[in-house]
Amino acid sequence: LVYAGGPAAAVPAARLSWQSIVNALPNRNATIFFSVFNPGYQDGAKYAMHVALTSGWFDAYEWVVRINPDVMVFDESRLT
């Protein structure tokens, strides 16, 4: 799930560009959500999680891990 927030989310060309990137991901269940609202930095990250949690997007999962774009995951094995 990718949350894209900010004024660029209202620009059709930007939306198509983001959608093509998400479509290229190897995951079959890859989704992008656009919102023109973005309070910025840490508040923006917290707001994206708030939207996902209150919308029930993660109801079927036991674990939800939110990471920043500059974080690399070296061990992709399951969390236990």
PDB file of N, CA and C in Angstrom:
ATOM      1  N   LEU A   1       0.849  -1.177   0.000  1.00  0.00           N
ATOM      2  CA  LEU A   1       0.000   0.000   0.000  1.00  0.00           C
ATOM      3  C   LEU A   1       0.885   1.227   0.000  1.00  0.00           C
ATOM      4  N   VAL A   2       0.670   2.094  -0.950  1.00  0.00           N
ATOM      5  CA  VAL A   2       1.406   3.352  -1.032  1.00  0.00           C
ATOM      6  C   VAL A   2       0.415   4.478  -0.849  1.00  0.00           C
ATOM      7  N   TYR A   3       0.700   5.380   0.088  1.00  0.00           N
ATOM      8  CA  TYR A   3      -0.134   6.558   0.325  1.00  0.00           C
ATOM      9  C   TYR A   3       0.592   7.745  -0.279  1.00  0.00           C
ATOM     10  N   ALA A   4       0.002   8.363  -1.292  1.00  0.00           N
ATOM     11  CA  ALA A   4       0.611   9.524  -1.951  1.00  0.00           C
ATOM     12  C   ALA A   4      -0.204  10.757  -1.589  1.00  0.00           C
ATOM     13  N   GLY A   5       0.385  11.629  -0.783  1.00  0.00           N
ATOM     14  CA  GLY A   5      -0.323  12.825  -0.347  1.00  0.00           C
ATOM     15  C   GLY A   5       0.379  14.086  -0.791  1.00  0.00           C
ATOM     16  N   GLY A   6      -0.402  15.117  -1.017  1.00  0.00           N
ATOM     17  CA  GLY A   6       0.145  16.408  -1.402  1.00  0.00           C
ATOM     18  C   GLY A   6      -0.513  16.923  -2.659  1.00  0.00           C
ATOM     19  N   PRO A   7      -0.228  18.171  -3.008  1.00  0.00           N
ATOM     20  CA  PRO A   7      -0.862  18.796  -4.175  1.00  0.00           C
ATOM     21  C   PRO A   7      -0.651  18.029  -5.479  1.00  0.00           C
ATOM     22  N   ALA A   8       0.484  17.348  -5.624  1.00  0.00           N
ATOM     23  CA  ALA A   8       0.753  16.602  -6.861  1.00  0.00           C
ATOM     24  C   ALA A   8      -0.253  15.470  -7.065  1.00  0.00           C
ATOM     25  N   ALA A   9      -0.891  15.019  -5.990  1.00  0.00           N
ATOM     26  CA  ALA A   9      -1.869  13.931  -6.109  1.00  0.00           C
ATOM     27  C   ALA A   9      -3.086  14.355  -6.919  1.00  0.00           C
ATOM     28  N   ALA A  10      -3.271  15.661  -7.101  1.00  0.00           N
ATOM     29  CA  ALA A  10      -4.398  16.158  -7.888  1.00  0.00           C
ATOM     30  C   ALA A  10      -4.045  16.292  -9.369  1.00  0.00           C
ATOM     31  N   VAL A  11      -2.787  16.119  -9.731  1.00  0.00           N
ATOM     32  CA  VAL A  11      -2.333  16.274 -11.119  1.00  0.00           C
ATOM     33  C   VAL A  11      -2.418  14.918 -11.821  1.00  0.00           C
ATOM     34  N   PRO A  12      -3.258  14.818 -12.861  1.00  0.00           N
ATOM     35  CA  PRO A  12      -3.437  13.522 -13.533  1.00  0.00           C
ATOM     36  C   PRO A  12      -2.138  12.883 -14.023  1.00  0.00           C
ATOM     37  N   ALA A  13      -1.218  13.672 -14.570  1.00  0.00           N
ATOM     38  CA  ALA A  13       0.038  13.107 -15.065  1.00  0.00           C
ATOM     39  C   ALA A  13       0.860  12.519 -13.922  1.00  0.00           C
ATOM     40  N   ALA A  14       0.865  13.189 -12.788  1.00  0.00           N
ATOM     41  CA  ALA A  14       1.601  12.681 -11.621  1.00  0.00           C
ATOM     42  C   ALA A  14       0.967  11.389 -11.121  1.00  0.00           C
ATOM     43  N   ARG A  15      -0.359  11.347 -11.106  1.00  0.00           N
ATOM     44  CA  ARG A  15      -1.056  10.139 -10.663  1.00  0.00           C
ATOM     45  C   ARG A  15      -0.730   8.957 -11.566  1.00  0.00           C
ATOM     46  N   LEU A  16      -0.706   9.186 -12.882  1.00  0.00           N
ATOM     47  CA  LEU A  16      -0.376   8.113 -13.823  1.00  0.00           C
ATOM     48  C   LEU A  16       1.060   7.637 -13.620  1.00  0.00           C
ATOM     49  N   SER A  17       1.955   8.569 -13.362  1.00  0.00           N
ATOM     50  CA  SER A  17       3.351   8.205 -13.127  1.00  0.00           C
ATOM     51  C   SER A  17       3.478   7.338 -11.880  1.00  0.00           C
ATOM     52  N   TRP A  18       2.859   7.751 -10.780  1.00  0.00           N
ATOM     53  CA  TRP A  18       2.889   6.971  -9.544  1.00  0.00           C
ATOM     54  C   TRP A  18       2.243   5.609  -9.752  1.00  0.00           C
ATOM     55  N   GLN A  19       1.113   5.575 -10.464  1.00  0.00           N
ATOM     56  CA  GLN A  19       0.416   4.308 -10.691  1.00  0.00           C
ATOM     57  C   GLN A  19       1.270   3.347 -11.495  1.00  0.00           C
ATOM     58  N   SER A  20       2.008   3.854 -12.480  1.00  0.00           N
ATOM     59  CA  SER A  20       2.864   2.969 -13.278  1.00  0.00           C
ATOM     60  C   SER A  20       3.996   2.396 -12.427  1.00  0.00           C
ATOM     61  N   ILE A  21       4.504   3.170 -11.473  1.00  0.00           N
ATOM     62  CA  ILE A  21       5.547   2.676 -10.578  1.00  0.00           C
ATOM     63  C   ILE A  21       4.997   1.573  -9.684  1.00  0.00           C
ATOM     64  N   VAL A  22       3.816   1.794  -9.120  1.00  0.00           N
ATOM     65  CA  VAL A  22       3.199   0.786  -8.253  1.00  0.00           C
ATOM     66  C   VAL A  22       2.869  -0.471  -9.051  1.00  0.00           C
ATOM     67  N   ASN A  23       2.405  -0.304 -10.282  1.00  0.00           N
ATOM     68  CA  ASN A  23       2.094  -1.457 -11.129  1.00  0.00           C
ATOM     69  C   ASN A  23       3.331  -2.291 -11.441  1.00  0.00           C
ATOM     70  N   ALA A  24       4.503  -1.681 -11.424  1.00  0.00           N
ATOM     71  CA  ALA A  24       5.749  -2.394 -11.732  1.00  0.00           C
ATOM     72  C   ALA A  24       6.280  -3.183 -10.538  1.00  0.00           C
ATOM     73  N   LEU A  25       5.717  -2.989  -9.352  1.00  0.00           N
ATOM     74  CA  LEU A  25       6.162  -3.742  -8.179  1.00  0.00           C
ATOM     75  C   LEU A  25       5.865  -5.229  -8.372  1.00  0.00           C
ATOM     76  N   PRO A  26       6.687  -6.090  -7.793  1.00  0.00           N
ATOM     77  CA  PRO A  26       6.470  -7.527  -7.979  1.00  0.00           C
ATOM     78  C   PRO A  26       5.269  -8.071  -7.201  1.00  0.00           C
ATOM     79  N   ASN A  27       4.753  -7.313  -6.267  1.00  0.00           N
ATOM     80  CA  ASN A  27       3.611  -7.762  -5.464  1.00  0.00           C
ATOM     81  C   ASN A  27       2.333  -7.697  -6.291  1.00  0.00           C
ATOM     82  N   ARG A  28       1.534  -8.730  -6.208  1.00  0.00           N
ATOM     83  CA  ARG A  28       0.244  -8.706  -6.911  1.00  0.00           C
ATOM     84  C   ARG A  28      -0.761  -7.807  -6.194  1.00  0.00           C
ATOM     85  N   ASN A  29      -0.596  -7.671  -4.907  1.00  0.00           N
ATOM     86  CA  ASN A  29      -1.514  -6.860  -4.113  1.00  0.00           C
ATOM     87  C   ASN A  29      -0.844  -5.520  -3.796  1.00  0.00           C
ATOM     88  N   ALA A  30      -0.628  -4.701  -4.808  1.00  0.00           N
ATOM     89  CA  ALA A  30      -0.019  -3.387  -4.635  1.00  0.00           C
ATOM     90  C   ALA A  30      -1.065  -2.329  -4.961  1.00  0.00           C
ATOM     91  N   THR A  31      -1.289  -1.430  -4.035  1.00  0.00           N
ATOM     92  CA  THR A  31      -2.328  -0.417  -4.169  1.00  0.00           C
ATOM     93  C   THR A  31      -1.759   0.951  -3.855  1.00  0.00           C
ATOM     94  N   ILE A  32      -2.244   1.973  -4.545  1.00  0.00           N
ATOM     95  CA  ILE A  32      -1.855   3.339  -4.233  1.00  0.00           C
ATOM     96  C   ILE A  32      -3.113   4.134  -3.897  1.00  0.00           C
ATOM     97  N   PHE A  33      -3.001   4.964  -2.875  1.00  0.00           N
ATOM     98  CA  PHE A  33      -4.099   5.828  -2.447  1.00  0.00           C
ATOM     99  C   PHE A  33      -3.632   7.268  -2.581  1.00  0.00           C
ATOM    100  N   PHE A  34      -4.404   8.082  -3.283  1.00  0.00           N
ATOM    101  CA  PHE A  34      -4.055   9.479  -3.497  1.00  0.00           C
ATOM    102  C   PHE A  34      -4.894  10.388  -2.605  1.00  0.00           C
ATOM    103  N   SER A  35      -4.249  11.394  -2.036  1.00  0.00           N
ATOM    104  CA  SER A  35      -4.937  12.416  -1.249  1.00  0.00           C
ATOM    105  C   SER A  35      -4.184  13.726  -1.413  1.00  0.00           C
ATOM    106  N   VAL A  36      -4.908  14.813  -1.664  1.00  0.00           N
ATOM    107  CA  VAL A  36      -4.240  16.105  -1.802  1.00  0.00           C
ATOM    108  C   VAL A  36      -3.829  16.654  -0.437  1.00  0.00           C
ATOM    109  N   PHE A  37      -4.371  16.092   0.642  1.00  0.00           N
ATOM    110  CA  PHE A  37      -4.021  16.538   1.993  1.00  0.00           C
ATOM    111  C   PHE A  37      -2.721  15.882   2.436  1.00  0.00           C
ATOM    112  N   ASN A  38      -1.787  16.682   2.894  1.00  0.00           N
ATOM    113  CA  ASN A  38      -0.535  16.168   3.442  1.00  0.00           C
ATOM    114  C   ASN A  38      -0.017  17.165   4.476  1.00  0.00           C
ATOM    115  N   PRO A  39      -0.103  16.826   5.754  1.00  0.00           N
ATOM    116  CA  PRO A  39       0.371  17.752   6.778  1.00  0.00           C
ATOM    117  C   PRO A  39       1.892  17.840   6.842  1.00  0.00           C
ATOM    118  N   GLY A  40       2.603  16.979   6.113  1.00  0.00           N
ATOM    119  CA  GLY A  40       4.053  17.061   6.012  1.00  0.00           C
ATOM    120  C   GLY A  40       4.809  16.199   6.995  1.00  0.00           C
ATOM    121  N   TYR A  41       5.966  15.759   6.559  1.00  0.00           N
ATOM    122  CA  TYR A  41       6.946  15.013   7.350  1.00  0.00           C
ATOM    123  C   TYR A  41       6.323  13.976   8.288  1.00  0.00           C
ATOM    124  N   GLN A  42       6.665  14.022   9.557  1.00  0.00           N
ATOM    125  CA  GLN A  42       6.199  13.005  10.510  1.00  0.00           C
ATOM    126  C   GLN A  42       4.681  13.003  10.644  1.00  0.00           C
ATOM    127  N   ASP A  43       4.068  14.183  10.653  1.00  0.00           N
ATOM    128  CA  ASP A  43       2.600  14.245  10.745  1.00  0.00           C
ATOM    129  C   ASP A  43       1.951  13.602   9.531  1.00  0.00           C
ATOM    130  N   GLY A  44       2.583  13.721   8.370  1.00  0.00           N
ATOM    131  CA  GLY A  44       2.056  13.084   7.169  1.00  0.00           C
ATOM    132  C   GLY A  44       2.119  11.570   7.252  1.00  0.00           C
ATOM    133  N   ALA A  45       3.206  11.060   7.805  1.00  0.00           N
ATOM    134  CA  ALA A  45       3.345   9.607   7.983  1.00  0.00           C
ATOM    135  C   ALA A  45       2.308   9.095   8.966  1.00  0.00           C
ATOM    136  N   LYS A  46       2.108   9.839  10.048  1.00  0.00           N
ATOM    137  CA  LYS A  46       1.110   9.425  11.045  1.00  0.00           C
ATOM    138  C   LYS A  46      -0.294   9.519  10.455  1.00  0.00           C
ATOM    139  N   TYR A  47      -0.555  10.531   9.640  1.00  0.00           N
ATOM    140  CA  TYR A  47      -1.886  10.675   9.046  1.00  0.00           C
ATOM    141  C   TYR A  47      -2.175   9.536   8.068  1.00  0.00           C
ATOM    142  N   ALA A  48      -1.177   9.140   7.281  1.00  0.00           N
ATOM    143  CA  ALA A  48      -1.368   8.022   6.352  1.00  0.00           C
ATOM    144  C   ALA A  48      -1.731   6.756   7.115  1.00  0.00           C
ATOM    145  N   MET A  49      -1.069   6.506   8.234  1.00  0.00           N
ATOM    146  CA  MET A  49      -1.410   5.333   9.058  1.00  0.00           C
ATOM    147  C   MET A  49      -2.809   5.486   9.654  1.00  0.00           C
ATOM    148  N   HIS A  50      -3.157   6.691  10.076  1.00  0.00           N
ATOM    149  CA  HIS A  50      -4.489   6.938  10.623  1.00  0.00           C
ATOM    150  C   HIS A  50      -5.566   6.604   9.584  1.00  0.00           C
ATOM    151  N   VAL A  51      -5.381   7.066   8.358  1.00  0.00           N
ATOM    152  CA  VAL A  51      -6.344   6.784   7.286  1.00  0.00           C
ATOM    153  C   VAL A  51      -6.469   5.281   7.066  1.00  0.00           C
ATOM    154  N   ALA A  52      -5.348   4.593   6.998  1.00  0.00           N
ATOM    155  CA  ALA A  52      -5.366   3.144   6.757  1.00  0.00           C
ATOM    156  C   ALA A  52      -6.037   2.393   7.899  1.00  0.00           C
ATOM    157  N   LEU A  53      -5.706   2.752   9.134  1.00  0.00           N
ATOM    158  CA  LEU A  53      -6.273   2.046  10.290  1.00  0.00           C
ATOM    159  C   LEU A  53      -7.761   2.322  10.457  1.00  0.00           C
ATOM    160  N   THR A  54      -8.175   3.566  10.300  1.00  0.00           N
ATOM    161  CA  THR A  54      -9.592   3.898  10.485  1.00  0.00           C
ATOM    162  C   THR A  54     -10.446   3.450   9.307  1.00  0.00           C
ATOM    163  N   SER A  55      -9.813   3.197   8.163  1.00  0.00           N
ATOM    164  CA  SER A  55     -10.556   2.714   6.995  1.00  0.00           C
ATOM    165  C   SER A  55     -10.641   1.196   6.950  1.00  0.00           C
ATOM    166  N   GLY A  56      -9.954   0.541   7.886  1.00  0.00           N
ATOM    167  CA  GLY A  56     -10.026  -0.914   7.950  1.00  0.00           C
ATOM    168  C   GLY A  56      -9.148  -1.636   6.950  1.00  0.00           C
ATOM    169  N   TRP A  57      -8.178  -0.941   6.363  1.00  0.00           N
ATOM    170  CA  TRP A  57      -7.341  -1.557   5.342  1.00  0.00           C
ATOM    171  C   TRP A  57      -6.495  -2.694   5.897  1.00  0.00           C
ATOM    172  N   PHE A  58      -6.199  -2.662   7.187  1.00  0.00           N
ATOM    173  CA  PHE A  58      -5.317  -3.671   7.775  1.00  0.00           C
ATOM    174  C   PHE A  58      -6.064  -4.663   8.666  1.00  0.00           C
ATOM    175  N   ASP A  59      -7.364  -4.670   8.610  1.00  0.00           N
ATOM    176  CA  ASP A  59      -8.158  -5.527   9.498  1.00  0.00           C
ATOM    177  C   ASP A  59      -7.812  -7.012   9.373  1.00  0.00           C
ATOM    178  N   ALA A  60      -7.411  -7.444   8.208  1.00  0.00           N
ATOM    179  CA  ALA A  60      -7.148  -8.869   7.991  1.00  0.00           C
ATOM    180  C   ALA A  60      -5.730  -9.280   8.402  1.00  0.00           C
ATOM    181  N   TYR A  61      -4.951  -8.343   8.899  1.00  0.00           N
ATOM    182  CA  TYR A  61      -3.546  -8.627   9.219  1.00  0.00           C
ATOM    183  C   TYR A  61      -3.305  -8.609  10.725  1.00  0.00           C
ATOM    184  N   GLU A  62      -2.385  -9.472  11.171  1.00  0.00           N
ATOM    185  CA  GLU A  62      -1.965  -9.463  12.561  1.00  0.00           C
ATOM    186  C   GLU A  62      -0.872  -8.433  12.785  1.00  0.00           C
ATOM    187  N   TRP A  63      -0.023  -8.229  11.803  1.00  0.00           N
ATOM    188  CA  TRP A  63       1.101  -7.301  11.892  1.00  0.00           C
ATOM    189  C   TRP A  63       0.992  -6.248  10.799  1.00  0.00           C
ATOM    190  N   VAL A  64       1.372  -5.028  11.126  1.00  0.00           N
ATOM    191  CA  VAL A  64       1.527  -3.956  10.148  1.00  0.00           C
ATOM    192  C   VAL A  64       2.855  -3.279  10.463  1.00  0.00           C
ATOM    193  N   VAL A  65       3.720  -3.206   9.476  1.00  0.00           N
ATOM    194  CA  VAL A  65       5.025  -2.584   9.661  1.00  0.00           C
ATOM    195  C   VAL A  65       5.094  -1.374   8.738  1.00  0.00           C
ATOM    196  N   ARG A  66       5.326  -0.206   9.329  1.00  0.00           N
ATOM    197  CA  ARG A  66       5.481   1.016   8.543  1.00  0.00           C
ATOM    198  C   ARG A  66       6.953   1.397   8.567  1.00  0.00           C
ATOM    199  N   ILE A  67       7.535   1.548   7.379  1.00  0.00           N
ATOM    200  CA  ILE A  67       8.934   1.937   7.311  1.00  0.00           C
ATOM    201  C   ILE A  67       9.084   3.167   6.430  1.00  0.00           C
ATOM    202  N   ASN A  68      10.138   3.894   6.649  1.00  0.00           N
ATOM    203  CA  ASN A  68      10.447   5.064   5.832  1.00  0.00           C
ATOM    204  C   ASN A  68      11.091   4.623   4.522  1.00  0.00           C
ATOM    205  N   PRO A  69      11.013   5.466   3.487  1.00  0.00           N
ATOM    206  CA  PRO A  69      11.590   5.098   2.187  1.00  0.00           C
ATOM    207  C   PRO A  69      13.100   4.855   2.226  1.00  0.00           C
ATOM    208  N   ASP A  70      13.794   5.403   3.220  1.00  0.00           N
ATOM    209  CA  ASP A  70      15.243   5.236   3.287  1.00  0.00           C
ATOM    210  C   ASP A  70      15.668   4.009   4.100  1.00  0.00           C
ATOM    211  N   VAL A  71      14.712   3.149   4.458  1.00  0.00           N
ATOM    212  CA  VAL A  71      14.997   1.941   5.229  1.00  0.00           C
ATOM    213  C   VAL A  71      15.080   0.760   4.281  1.00  0.00           C
ATOM    214  N   MET A  72      16.128  -0.044   4.444  1.00  0.00           N
ATOM    215  CA  MET A  72      16.286  -1.239   3.626  1.00  0.00           C
ATOM    216  C   MET A  72      16.035  -2.469   4.491  1.00  0.00           C
ATOM    217  N   VAL A  73      15.274  -3.419   3.964  1.00  0.00           N
ATOM    218  CA  VAL A  73      15.002  -4.669   4.659  1.00  0.00           C
ATOM    219  C   VAL A  73      15.909  -5.737   4.046  1.00  0.00           C
ATOM    220  N   PHE A  74      16.818  -6.266   4.865  1.00  0.00           N
ATOM    221  CA  PHE A  74      17.771  -7.258   4.366  1.00  0.00           C
ATOM    222  C   PHE A  74      17.288  -8.685   4.582  1.00  0.00           C
ATOM    223  N   ASP A  75      16.463  -8.899   5.572  1.00  0.00           N
ATOM    224  CA  ASP A  75      15.946 -10.237   5.862  1.00  0.00           C
ATOM    225  C   ASP A  75      14.432 -10.209   5.652  1.00  0.00           C
ATOM    226  N   GLU A  76      13.976 -10.764   4.558  1.00  0.00           N
ATOM    227  CA  GLU A  76      12.560 -10.730   4.215  1.00  0.00           C
ATOM    228  C   GLU A  76      11.778 -11.914   4.762  1.00  0.00           C
ATOM    229  N   SER A  77      12.386 -12.677   5.674  1.00  0.00           N
ATOM    230  CA  SER A  77      11.661 -13.815   6.249  1.00  0.00           C
ATOM    231  C   SER A  77      10.520 -13.296   7.124  1.00  0.00           C
ATOM    232  N   ARG A  78       9.606 -14.174   7.426  1.00  0.00           N
ATOM    233  CA  ARG A  78       8.402 -13.811   8.164  1.00  0.00           C
ATOM    234  C   ARG A  78       8.743 -13.335   9.577  1.00  0.00           C
ATOM    235  N   LEU A  79       7.965 -12.367  10.046  1.00  0.00           N
ATOM    236  CA  LEU A  79       8.083 -11.946  11.438  1.00  0.00           C
ATOM    237  C   LEU A  79       7.443 -13.003  12.315  1.00  0.00           C
ATOM    238  N   THR A  80       8.051 -13.295  13.459  1.00  0.00           N
ATOM    239  CA  THR A  80       7.465 -14.277  14.364  1.00  0.00           C
ATOM    240  C   THR A  80       7.259 -13.671  15.735  1.00  0.00           C
TER     241      THR A  80
END
